[in-house]
């Protein structure tokens, strides 16, 4: 279960970085004199945030896949035991 917690931490961190970047860009758009560095840093922070979200989702899917394989293997073992008893 702690692995899922790590995945959720990645997802939350990614959303946080993305939302912070978008918020700063929106605030900068409403200033009378926009700061020039915001345009140059907004896109990389969006990519970092979305990349972190995708890493978290990918890790979570990988863990779920491993759990399905483990459950399938356990079912196969139970079937083999039932055939041996017959």
C-alpha atoms as a PDB file:
ATOM      1  CA  UNK A   1       0.000   0.000   0.000  1.00  0.00           C
ATOM      2  CA  UNK A   2       2.923   2.355   0.566  1.00  0.00           C
ATOM      3  CA  UNK A   3       3.791   2.063  -3.148  1.00  0.00           C
ATOM      4  CA  UNK A   4       0.396   3.476  -4.053  1.00  0.00           C
ATOM      5  CA  UNK A   5       1.051   6.306  -1.584  1.00  0.00           C
ATOM      6  CA  UNK A   6       4.291   7.140  -3.384  1.00  0.00           C
ATOM      7  CA  UNK A   7       2.438   7.193  -6.708  1.00  0.00           C
ATOM      8  CA  UNK A   8      -0.199   9.512  -5.298  1.00  0.00           C
ATOM      9  CA  UNK A   9       2.555  11.772  -3.959  1.00  0.00           C
ATOM     10  CA  UNK A  10       4.010  12.015  -7.479  1.00  0.00           C
ATOM     11  CA  UNK A  11       0.578  12.839  -8.887  1.00  0.00           C
ATOM     12  CA  UNK A  12      -0.142  15.477  -6.230  1.00  0.00           C
ATOM     13  CA  UNK A  13       3.290  17.071  -6.663  1.00  0.00           C
ATOM     14  CA  UNK A  14       2.833  17.204 -10.431  1.00  0.00           C
ATOM     15  CA  UNK A  15      -0.583  18.818 -10.151  1.00  0.00           C
ATOM     16  CA  UNK A  16       0.833  21.283  -7.623  1.00  0.00           C
ATOM     17  CA  UNK A  17       3.676  22.348  -9.919  1.00  0.00           C
ATOM     18  CA  UNK A  18       1.330  22.673 -12.889  1.00  0.00           C
ATOM     19  CA  UNK A  19      -1.278  24.674 -10.984  1.00  0.00           C
ATOM     20  CA  UNK A  20       1.390  26.947  -9.507  1.00  0.00           C
ATOM     21  CA  UNK A  21       2.809  27.598 -12.962  1.00  0.00           C
ATOM     22  CA  UNK A  22      -0.604  28.342 -14.461  1.00  0.00           C
ATOM     23  CA  UNK A  23      -1.548  30.579 -11.536  1.00  0.00           C
ATOM     24  CA  UNK A  24       1.646  32.604 -11.884  1.00  0.00           C
ATOM     25  CA  UNK A  25       1.062  32.957 -15.629  1.00  0.00           C
ATOM     26  CA  UNK A  26      -2.537  34.113 -15.082  1.00  0.00           C
ATOM     27  CA  UNK A  27      -1.451  36.623 -12.438  1.00  0.00           C
ATOM     28  CA  UNK A  28       1.290  37.892 -14.741  1.00  0.00           C
ATOM     29  CA  UNK A  29      -1.218  38.389 -17.571  1.00  0.00           C
ATOM     30  CA  UNK A  30      -3.238  40.797 -15.420  1.00  0.00           C
ATOM     31  CA  UNK A  31      -0.271  43.004 -14.488  1.00  0.00           C
ATOM     32  CA  UNK A  32       0.084  46.338 -16.285  1.00  0.00           C
ATOM     33  CA  UNK A  33       3.701  45.474 -17.151  1.00  0.00           C
ATOM     34  CA  UNK A  34       4.110  41.681 -17.502  1.00  0.00           C
ATOM     35  CA  UNK A  35       7.353  40.208 -16.237  1.00  0.00           C
ATOM     36  CA  UNK A  36       9.349  38.743 -19.141  1.00  0.00           C
ATOM     37  CA  UNK A  37      10.801  35.767 -17.232  1.00  0.00           C
ATOM     38  CA  UNK A  38       7.378  34.232 -16.616  1.00  0.00           C
ATOM     39  CA  UNK A  39       6.956  33.404 -20.301  1.00  0.00           C
ATOM     40  CA  UNK A  40      10.315  31.609 -20.351  1.00  0.00           C
ATOM     41  CA  UNK A  41       9.671  29.589 -17.184  1.00  0.00           C
ATOM     42  CA  UNK A  42       5.993  28.770 -17.631  1.00  0.00           C
ATOM     43  CA  UNK A  43       6.386  26.099 -20.317  1.00  0.00           C
ATOM     44  CA  UNK A  44       9.189  24.118 -18.579  1.00  0.00           C
ATOM     45  CA  UNK A  45       7.257  24.081 -15.299  1.00  0.00           C
ATOM     46  CA  UNK A  46       4.162  22.824 -17.132  1.00  0.00           C
ATOM     47  CA  UNK A  47       6.219  20.035 -18.707  1.00  0.00           C
ATOM     48  CA  UNK A  48       7.776  19.129 -15.358  1.00  0.00           C
ATOM     49  CA  UNK A  49       4.384  19.049 -13.667  1.00  0.00           C
ATOM     50  CA  UNK A  50       2.693  16.972 -16.344  1.00  0.00           C
ATOM     51  CA  UNK A  51       5.687  14.644 -16.574  1.00  0.00           C
ATOM     52  CA  UNK A  52       5.521  14.047 -12.831  1.00  0.00           C
ATOM     53  CA  UNK A  53       1.800  13.309 -13.082  1.00  0.00           C
ATOM     54  CA  UNK A  54       2.441  10.809 -15.884  1.00  0.00           C
ATOM     55  CA  UNK A  55       5.214   9.119 -13.877  1.00  0.00           C
ATOM     56  CA  UNK A  56       2.822   8.715 -10.947  1.00  0.00           C
ATOM     57  CA  UNK A  57       0.054   7.308 -13.146  1.00  0.00           C
ATOM     58  CA  UNK A  58       2.467   4.943 -14.899  1.00  0.00           C
ATOM     59  CA  UNK A  59       3.854   3.621 -11.619  1.00  0.00           C
ATOM     60  CA  UNK A  60       0.357   3.091 -10.274  1.00  0.00           C
ATOM     61  CA  UNK A  61      -0.695   1.148 -13.378  1.00  0.00           C
ATOM     62  CA  UNK A  62       2.471  -0.959 -13.127  1.00  0.00           C
ATOM     63  CA  UNK A  63       1.738  -1.820  -9.489  1.00  0.00           C
ATOM     64  CA  UNK A  64      -1.863  -2.729 -10.320  1.00  0.00           C
ATOM     65  CA  UNK A  65      -0.641  -4.911 -13.190  1.00  0.00           C
ATOM     66  CA  UNK A  66       1.742  -6.745 -10.856  1.00  0.00           C
ATOM     67  CA  UNK A  67      -1.098  -7.324  -8.378  1.00  0.00           C
ATOM     68  CA  UNK A  68      -3.275  -8.790 -11.136  1.00  0.00           C
ATOM     69  CA  UNK A  69      -0.451 -11.106 -12.187  1.00  0.00           C
ATOM     70  CA  UNK A  70       0.063 -12.190  -8.580  1.00  0.00           C
ATOM     71  CA  UNK A  71      -3.665 -12.911  -8.144  1.00  0.00           C
ATOM     72  CA  UNK A  72      -3.691 -14.875 -11.424  1.00  0.00           C
ATOM     73  CA  UNK A  73      -0.680 -16.894 -10.274  1.00  0.00           C
ATOM     74  CA  UNK A  74      -2.373 -17.652  -6.965  1.00  0.00           C
ATOM     75  CA  UNK A  75      -5.503 -18.869  -8.809  1.00  0.00           C
ATOM     76  CA  UNK A  76      -3.354 -21.117 -11.019  1.00  0.00           C
ATOM     77  CA  UNK A  77      -1.746 -22.616  -7.911  1.00  0.00           C
ATOM     78  CA  UNK A  78      -5.163 -23.298  -6.395  1.00  0.00           C
ATOM     79  CA  UNK A  79      -6.328 -25.007  -9.620  1.00  0.00           C
ATOM     80  CA  UNK A  80      -3.208 -27.188  -9.682  1.00  0.00           C
ATOM     81  CA  UNK A  81      -3.735 -28.178  -6.025  1.00  0.00           C
ATOM     82  CA  UNK A  82      -7.372 -29.083  -6.747  1.00  0.00           C
ATOM     83  CA  UNK A  83      -6.295 -31.255  -9.703  1.00  0.00           C
ATOM     84  CA  UNK A  84      -3.660 -32.995  -7.582  1.00  0.00           C
ATOM     85  CA  UNK A  85      -6.257 -33.821  -4.925  1.00  0.00           C
ATOM     86  CA  UNK A  86      -8.623 -35.350  -7.510  1.00  0.00           C
END
